[in-house]
Amino acid sequence: MAYWLFKSEPSTWSWDDQAAKGDAGEEWDGVRNYQARNFMREMKIGDRGFFYHSQKDKEIVGVVEVIAEAHPDSTTDDDRWQCVDIKAIGPMPTPVTLDDVKAEPRLSDMVLVNNSRLSVQPVTDEEWRIVCEMGGYND
């Protein structure tokens, strides 16, 4: 299993919106960055991800699971763009802020710290474990 981080502005698509979709999940559509798209092409069903609220709060608020591998993004006719489908697994008991991540020396190489604008990004096994520990999430 691989781990990822999905960023969304809560005013556009929030953790509550994602959780409300239940087991049916939702397309992670609208991504128009080649690197983020390529990461989605690597994803497999069952991979897990952090759900991150960008913009104001800047915090990891939940855990999601990939339920459909890369397929055409339904929000465009341009076949260059693909997306995966994800479903909510559970909230992060204590949201982990960007400041929390930056303050943890063991996370200094995390993509979130070094390329905070990338909307879909990989998370290493060790980073996953540390962030889950910080947020009180038992995976």
N, C-alpha and C. Protein backbone atom coordinates (compact mmCIF):
# COMPACT_ATOMS: atom_id res chain seq x y z
N MET A 1 0.84 -1.18 0.00
CA MET A 1 0.00 0.00 0.00
C MET A 1 0.88 1.24 0.00
N ALA A 2 0.45 2.22 -0.77
CA ALA A 2 1.14 3.51 -0.82
C ALA A 2 0.29 4.54 -0.10
N TYR A 3 0.93 5.64 0.27
CA TYR A 3 0.25 6.72 0.99
C TYR A 3 0.38 8.02 0.22
N TRP A 4 -0.64 8.88 0.38
CA TRP A 4 -0.74 10.11 -0.38
C TRP A 4 -1.32 11.21 0.48
N LEU A 5 -1.32 12.42 -0.06
CA LEU A 5 -1.99 13.54 0.57
C LEU A 5 -2.78 14.26 -0.51
N PHE A 6 -4.06 14.51 -0.23
CA PHE A 6 -4.96 15.21 -1.14
C PHE A 6 -5.34 16.55 -0.51
N LYS A 7 -5.09 17.63 -1.25
CA LYS A 7 -5.37 18.97 -0.73
C LYS A 7 -6.62 19.54 -1.38
N SER A 8 -7.45 20.16 -0.54
CA SER A 8 -8.64 20.81 -1.05
C SER A 8 -8.94 22.06 -0.23
N GLU A 9 -9.42 23.08 -0.92
CA GLU A 9 -9.89 24.26 -0.22
C GLU A 9 -11.26 23.92 0.35
N PRO A 10 -11.44 24.03 1.66
CA PRO A 10 -12.71 23.61 2.25
C PRO A 10 -13.93 24.37 1.72
N SER A 11 -13.72 25.57 1.19
CA SER A 11 -14.84 26.31 0.61
C SER A 11 -15.29 25.68 -0.72
N THR A 12 -14.41 24.87 -1.33
CA THR A 12 -14.73 24.20 -2.58
C THR A 12 -15.19 22.76 -2.33
N TRP A 13 -14.40 22.02 -1.56
CA TRP A 13 -14.71 20.62 -1.22
C TRP A 13 -14.07 20.33 0.13
N SER A 14 -14.89 20.15 1.14
CA SER A 14 -14.40 19.99 2.50
C SER A 14 -14.40 18.52 2.93
N TRP A 15 -13.79 18.27 4.07
CA TRP A 15 -13.83 16.93 4.66
C TRP A 15 -15.28 16.50 4.88
N ASP A 16 -16.14 17.41 5.35
CA ASP A 16 -17.54 17.06 5.56
C ASP A 16 -18.21 16.67 4.25
N ASP A 17 -17.87 17.37 3.16
CA ASP A 17 -18.42 17.00 1.84
C ASP A 17 -17.97 15.59 1.47
N GLN A 18 -16.68 15.31 1.68
CA GLN A 18 -16.14 13.99 1.34
C GLN A 18 -16.80 12.91 2.18
N ALA A 19 -16.89 13.14 3.48
CA ALA A 19 -17.48 12.15 4.38
C ALA A 19 -18.94 11.88 4.04
N ALA A 20 -19.66 12.92 3.60
CA ALA A 20 -21.07 12.77 3.26
C ALA A 20 -21.29 11.85 2.06
N LYS A 21 -20.28 11.63 1.24
CA LYS A 21 -20.39 10.75 0.08
C LYS A 21 -20.37 9.27 0.46
N GLY A 22 -19.99 8.99 1.71
CA GLY A 22 -20.00 7.61 2.20
C GLY A 22 -19.12 6.68 1.39
N ASP A 23 -19.53 5.42 1.32
CA ASP A 23 -18.74 4.41 0.62
C ASP A 23 -18.69 4.63 -0.89
N ALA A 24 -19.65 5.41 -1.43
CA ALA A 24 -19.65 5.68 -2.88
C ALA A 24 -18.46 6.55 -3.26
N GLY A 25 -17.99 7.37 -2.32
CA GLY A 25 -16.84 8.23 -2.59
C GLY A 25 -17.12 9.28 -3.64
N GLU A 26 -16.04 9.83 -4.15
CA GLU A 26 -16.14 10.92 -5.11
C GLU A 26 -14.88 10.99 -5.96
N GLU A 27 -15.03 11.43 -7.20
CA GLU A 27 -13.87 11.70 -8.05
C GLU A 27 -13.03 12.81 -7.45
N TRP A 28 -11.70 12.66 -7.51
CA TRP A 28 -10.81 13.74 -7.10
C TRP A 28 -10.50 14.52 -8.38
N ASP A 29 -11.50 15.26 -8.85
CA ASP A 29 -11.44 15.89 -10.17
C ASP A 29 -10.88 17.30 -10.12
N GLY A 30 -10.67 17.85 -11.30
CA GLY A 30 -10.25 19.24 -11.42
C GLY A 30 -8.76 19.49 -11.27
N VAL A 31 -7.98 18.45 -11.10
CA VAL A 31 -6.53 18.62 -10.96
C VAL A 31 -5.94 18.95 -12.32
N ARG A 32 -5.23 20.06 -12.42
CA ARG A 32 -4.65 20.50 -13.69
C ARG A 32 -3.15 20.75 -13.54
N ASN A 33 -2.50 19.85 -12.87
CA ASN A 33 -1.05 19.90 -12.69
C ASN A 33 -0.53 18.53 -13.10
N TYR A 34 0.45 18.50 -14.00
CA TYR A 34 0.93 17.23 -14.52
C TYR A 34 1.54 16.33 -13.45
N GLN A 35 2.30 16.92 -12.54
CA GLN A 35 2.92 16.10 -11.50
C GLN A 35 1.86 15.47 -10.60
N ALA A 36 0.86 16.24 -10.20
CA ALA A 36 -0.23 15.71 -9.37
C ALA A 36 -0.99 14.63 -10.15
N ARG A 37 -1.27 14.87 -11.43
CA ARG A 37 -1.95 13.86 -12.25
C ARG A 37 -1.12 12.59 -12.33
N ASN A 38 0.17 12.72 -12.50
CA ASN A 38 1.03 11.53 -12.60
C ASN A 38 1.03 10.75 -11.29
N PHE A 39 0.98 11.44 -10.16
CA PHE A 39 0.87 10.73 -8.89
C PHE A 39 -0.43 9.93 -8.84
N MET A 40 -1.53 10.53 -9.32
CA MET A 40 -2.80 9.79 -9.33
C MET A 40 -2.73 8.57 -10.23
N ARG A 41 -1.98 8.65 -11.31
CA ARG A 41 -1.82 7.49 -12.19
C ARG A 41 -1.10 6.34 -11.50
N GLU A 42 -0.31 6.65 -10.47
CA GLU A 42 0.42 5.61 -9.72
C GLU A 42 -0.45 4.94 -8.65
N MET A 43 -1.56 5.54 -8.31
CA MET A 43 -2.37 5.05 -7.19
C MET A 43 -3.07 3.75 -7.52
N LYS A 44 -3.22 2.93 -6.48
CA LYS A 44 -3.91 1.64 -6.58
C LYS A 44 -5.08 1.62 -5.61
N ILE A 45 -6.08 0.84 -5.93
CA ILE A 45 -7.22 0.67 -5.02
C ILE A 45 -6.68 0.17 -3.67
N GLY A 46 -7.16 0.81 -2.62
CA GLY A 46 -6.73 0.46 -1.27
C GLY A 46 -5.65 1.35 -0.71
N ASP A 47 -4.97 2.13 -1.58
CA ASP A 47 -4.01 3.11 -1.07
C ASP A 47 -4.75 4.08 -0.15
N ARG A 48 -4.03 4.62 0.82
CA ARG A 48 -4.62 5.55 1.77
C ARG A 48 -4.05 6.95 1.55
N GLY A 49 -4.80 7.94 1.98
CA GLY A 49 -4.35 9.32 1.85
C GLY A 49 -4.83 10.19 2.99
N PHE A 50 -4.08 11.24 3.22
CA PHE A 50 -4.53 12.27 4.15
C PHE A 50 -5.40 13.25 3.39
N PHE A 51 -6.46 13.74 4.01
CA PHE A 51 -7.30 14.79 3.45
C PHE A 51 -6.89 16.07 4.14
N TYR A 52 -6.38 17.03 3.35
CA TYR A 52 -5.78 18.25 3.87
C TYR A 52 -6.60 19.46 3.45
N HIS A 53 -7.02 20.25 4.43
CA HIS A 53 -7.69 21.52 4.14
C HIS A 53 -6.63 22.58 3.88
N SER A 54 -6.60 23.10 2.68
CA SER A 54 -5.66 24.17 2.35
C SER A 54 -6.35 25.50 2.59
N GLN A 55 -5.73 26.55 2.19
CA GLN A 55 -6.25 27.91 2.29
C GLN A 55 -6.04 28.45 3.69
N LYS A 56 -7.10 28.51 4.51
CA LYS A 56 -7.02 29.17 5.81
C LYS A 56 -6.48 28.25 6.91
N ASP A 57 -7.10 27.10 7.12
CA ASP A 57 -6.74 26.25 8.26
C ASP A 57 -5.42 25.50 8.07
N LYS A 58 -5.15 25.05 6.87
CA LYS A 58 -3.91 24.34 6.55
C LYS A 58 -3.66 23.21 7.55
N GLU A 59 -4.51 22.17 7.44
CA GLU A 59 -4.39 21.06 8.38
C GLU A 59 -4.91 19.77 7.78
N ILE A 60 -4.33 18.66 8.24
CA ILE A 60 -4.78 17.32 7.87
C ILE A 60 -5.97 17.00 8.77
N VAL A 61 -7.12 16.77 8.15
CA VAL A 61 -8.35 16.61 8.92
C VAL A 61 -8.97 15.21 8.82
N GLY A 62 -8.47 14.38 7.91
CA GLY A 62 -9.06 13.05 7.77
C GLY A 62 -8.20 12.11 6.95
N VAL A 63 -8.68 10.87 6.86
CA VAL A 63 -8.02 9.82 6.10
C VAL A 63 -9.00 9.29 5.05
N VAL A 64 -8.50 9.12 3.84
CA VAL A 64 -9.30 8.62 2.73
C VAL A 64 -8.64 7.37 2.14
N GLU A 65 -9.42 6.68 1.31
CA GLU A 65 -8.92 5.50 0.62
C GLU A 65 -9.23 5.62 -0.86
N VAL A 66 -8.30 5.20 -1.70
CA VAL A 66 -8.52 5.19 -3.15
C VAL A 66 -9.44 4.01 -3.47
N ILE A 67 -10.56 4.30 -4.15
CA ILE A 67 -11.53 3.25 -4.48
C ILE A 67 -11.66 3.02 -5.98
N ALA A 68 -11.04 3.87 -6.80
CA ALA A 68 -11.00 3.66 -8.25
C ALA A 68 -9.69 4.25 -8.75
N GLU A 69 -9.00 3.47 -9.59
CA GLU A 69 -7.72 3.93 -10.14
C GLU A 69 -7.96 4.99 -11.21
N ALA A 70 -6.88 5.58 -11.70
CA ALA A 70 -6.95 6.71 -12.62
C ALA A 70 -7.86 6.41 -13.81
N HIS A 71 -8.70 7.39 -14.10
CA HIS A 71 -9.64 7.32 -15.22
C HIS A 71 -9.87 8.75 -15.70
N PRO A 72 -10.50 8.93 -16.87
CA PRO A 72 -10.71 10.30 -17.37
C PRO A 72 -11.47 11.16 -16.36
N ASP A 73 -11.03 12.38 -16.21
CA ASP A 73 -11.67 13.35 -15.33
C ASP A 73 -12.97 13.81 -16.01
N SER A 74 -14.09 13.63 -15.32
CA SER A 74 -15.40 13.95 -15.91
C SER A 74 -15.65 15.45 -16.05
N THR A 75 -14.78 16.27 -15.49
CA THR A 75 -15.00 17.72 -15.56
C THR A 75 -14.35 18.37 -16.78
N THR A 76 -13.77 17.55 -17.65
CA THR A 76 -13.14 18.10 -18.86
C THR A 76 -13.22 17.10 -20.01
N ASP A 77 -13.21 17.62 -21.23
CA ASP A 77 -13.13 16.76 -22.42
C ASP A 77 -11.69 16.54 -22.84
N ASP A 78 -10.75 17.16 -22.17
CA ASP A 78 -9.33 17.05 -22.49
C ASP A 78 -8.81 15.74 -21.90
N ASP A 79 -8.42 14.82 -22.77
CA ASP A 79 -8.03 13.48 -22.31
C ASP A 79 -6.67 13.43 -21.60
N ARG A 80 -6.00 14.56 -21.49
CA ARG A 80 -4.75 14.58 -20.72
C ARG A 80 -5.00 14.46 -19.22
N TRP A 81 -6.20 14.81 -18.78
CA TRP A 81 -6.47 14.90 -17.35
C TRP A 81 -7.23 13.70 -16.84
N GLN A 82 -6.68 13.12 -15.80
CA GLN A 82 -7.26 11.94 -15.18
C GLN A 82 -7.40 12.17 -13.68
N CYS A 83 -8.17 11.33 -13.04
CA CYS A 83 -8.35 11.43 -11.60
C CYS A 83 -8.63 10.05 -11.02
N VAL A 84 -8.61 9.96 -9.71
CA VAL A 84 -8.99 8.74 -9.00
C VAL A 84 -10.26 9.05 -8.22
N ASP A 85 -10.89 8.02 -7.69
CA ASP A 85 -12.01 8.20 -6.78
C ASP A 85 -11.53 7.84 -5.39
N ILE A 86 -11.99 8.61 -4.40
CA ILE A 86 -11.61 8.35 -3.01
C ILE A 86 -12.86 8.35 -2.13
N LYS A 87 -12.76 7.64 -1.02
CA LYS A 87 -13.84 7.68 -0.02
C LYS A 87 -13.22 8.00 1.34
N ALA A 88 -14.01 8.61 2.19
CA ALA A 88 -13.58 8.95 3.55
C ALA A 88 -13.51 7.67 4.38
N ILE A 89 -12.43 7.52 5.13
CA ILE A 89 -12.29 6.41 6.07
C ILE A 89 -12.59 6.89 7.49
N GLY A 90 -12.04 8.03 7.88
CA GLY A 90 -12.31 8.56 9.20
C GLY A 90 -11.63 9.88 9.42
N PRO A 91 -12.16 10.66 10.36
CA PRO A 91 -11.55 11.95 10.67
C PRO A 91 -10.26 11.77 11.45
N MET A 92 -9.40 12.74 11.35
CA MET A 92 -8.20 12.79 12.19
C MET A 92 -8.68 13.28 13.56
N PRO A 93 -8.51 12.46 14.62
CA PRO A 93 -9.01 12.87 15.93
C PRO A 93 -8.54 14.26 16.36
N THR A 94 -7.28 14.55 16.13
CA THR A 94 -6.73 15.88 16.37
C THR A 94 -6.12 16.35 15.05
N PRO A 95 -6.73 17.34 14.38
CA PRO A 95 -6.15 17.80 13.12
C PRO A 95 -4.67 18.15 13.29
N VAL A 96 -3.89 17.82 12.26
CA VAL A 96 -2.46 18.09 12.27
C VAL A 96 -2.21 19.26 11.33
N THR A 97 -1.79 20.38 11.91
CA THR A 97 -1.62 21.59 11.11
C THR A 97 -0.29 21.57 10.35
N LEU A 98 -0.22 22.43 9.35
CA LEU A 98 1.03 22.59 8.61
C LEU A 98 2.14 23.03 9.56
N ASP A 99 1.82 23.90 10.49
CA ASP A 99 2.82 24.33 11.48
C ASP A 99 3.31 23.15 12.32
N ASP A 100 2.39 22.24 12.69
CA ASP A 100 2.77 21.04 13.44
C ASP A 100 3.75 20.19 12.62
N VAL A 101 3.43 20.02 11.34
CA VAL A 101 4.28 19.21 10.46
C VAL A 101 5.66 19.86 10.33
N LYS A 102 5.68 21.17 10.12
CA LYS A 102 6.95 21.87 9.96
C LYS A 102 7.79 21.85 11.25
N ALA A 103 7.13 21.77 12.39
CA ALA A 103 7.84 21.77 13.67
C ALA A 103 8.40 20.39 14.04
N GLU A 104 7.99 19.35 13.31
CA GLU A 104 8.44 17.99 13.59
C GLU A 104 9.68 17.70 12.73
N PRO A 105 10.86 17.62 13.33
CA PRO A 105 12.10 17.42 12.55
C PRO A 105 12.07 16.16 11.68
N ARG A 106 11.39 15.14 12.11
CA ARG A 106 11.34 13.89 11.33
C ARG A 106 10.53 14.05 10.04
N LEU A 107 9.81 15.17 9.90
CA LEU A 107 9.00 15.41 8.70
C LEU A 107 9.60 16.49 7.81
N SER A 108 10.86 16.82 8.03
CA SER A 108 11.48 17.93 7.29
C SER A 108 11.59 17.67 5.79
N ASP A 109 11.58 16.41 5.37
CA ASP A 109 11.67 16.09 3.95
C ASP A 109 10.30 15.85 3.31
N MET A 110 9.24 15.95 4.08
CA MET A 110 7.89 15.70 3.56
C MET A 110 7.58 16.69 2.44
N VAL A 111 6.93 16.21 1.38
CA VAL A 111 6.59 17.07 0.25
C VAL A 111 5.74 18.25 0.71
N LEU A 112 4.85 18.04 1.65
CA LEU A 112 4.00 19.11 2.16
C LEU A 112 4.83 20.28 2.69
N VAL A 113 5.96 20.00 3.27
CA VAL A 113 6.84 21.03 3.82
C VAL A 113 7.59 21.75 2.70
N ASN A 114 7.97 21.02 1.68
CA ASN A 114 8.87 21.54 0.65
C ASN A 114 8.19 21.97 -0.65
N ASN A 115 6.96 21.54 -0.86
CA ASN A 115 6.21 21.93 -2.06
C ASN A 115 4.74 22.01 -1.68
N SER A 116 4.42 22.98 -0.85
CA SER A 116 3.08 23.05 -0.27
C SER A 116 1.98 23.37 -1.29
N ARG A 117 2.33 23.75 -2.48
CA ARG A 117 1.32 24.08 -3.49
C ARG A 117 0.81 22.86 -4.26
N LEU A 118 1.54 21.76 -4.23
CA LEU A 118 1.15 20.57 -4.99
C LEU A 118 -0.10 19.94 -4.38
N SER A 119 -1.16 19.79 -5.18
CA SER A 119 -2.46 19.38 -4.66
C SER A 119 -2.59 17.89 -4.37
N VAL A 120 -1.78 17.07 -5.00
CA VAL A 120 -1.75 15.63 -4.74
C VAL A 120 -0.27 15.27 -4.63
N GLN A 121 0.08 14.61 -3.53
CA GLN A 121 1.50 14.35 -3.29
C GLN A 121 1.71 13.05 -2.53
N PRO A 122 2.87 12.43 -2.72
CA PRO A 122 3.16 11.18 -2.01
C PRO A 122 3.54 11.45 -0.55
N VAL A 123 3.30 10.43 0.27
CA VAL A 123 3.68 10.44 1.68
C VAL A 123 4.40 9.13 1.94
N THR A 124 5.56 9.18 2.56
CA THR A 124 6.29 7.93 2.83
C THR A 124 5.63 7.16 3.97
N ASP A 125 5.98 5.89 4.10
CA ASP A 125 5.45 5.06 5.18
C ASP A 125 5.76 5.69 6.54
N GLU A 126 6.99 6.17 6.71
CA GLU A 126 7.41 6.77 7.97
C GLU A 126 6.66 8.07 8.25
N GLU A 127 6.48 8.90 7.22
CA GLU A 127 5.72 10.14 7.38
C GLU A 127 4.28 9.83 7.78
N TRP A 128 3.71 8.81 7.14
CA TRP A 128 2.34 8.40 7.45
C TRP A 128 2.24 8.03 8.93
N ARG A 129 3.15 7.21 9.39
CA ARG A 129 3.13 6.75 10.78
C ARG A 129 3.25 7.93 11.75
N ILE A 130 4.17 8.85 11.47
CA ILE A 130 4.40 9.99 12.35
C ILE A 130 3.17 10.90 12.40
N VAL A 131 2.59 11.23 11.24
CA VAL A 131 1.43 12.12 11.21
C VAL A 131 0.24 11.45 11.90
N CYS A 132 0.03 10.16 11.67
CA CYS A 132 -1.06 9.46 12.35
C CYS A 132 -0.86 9.51 13.87
N GLU A 133 0.35 9.32 14.30
CA GLU A 133 0.69 9.40 15.73
C GLU A 133 0.38 10.81 16.26
N MET A 134 0.79 11.82 15.53
CA MET A 134 0.56 13.20 15.95
C MET A 134 -0.94 13.53 16.06
N GLY A 135 -1.72 12.97 15.16
CA GLY A 135 -3.15 13.26 15.15
C GLY A 135 -4.00 12.28 15.94
N GLY A 136 -3.35 11.28 16.55
CA GLY A 136 -4.10 10.30 17.33
C GLY A 136 -4.93 9.34 16.49
N TYR A 137 -4.50 9.13 15.23
CA TYR A 137 -5.24 8.25 14.33
C TYR A 137 -4.61 6.86 14.36
N ASN A 138 -5.43 5.85 14.65
CA ASN A 138 -4.96 4.46 14.65
C ASN A 138 -5.33 3.82 13.32
N ASP A 139 -4.34 3.66 12.47
CA ASP A 139 -4.57 3.11 11.12
C ASP A 139 -4.74 1.61 11.17
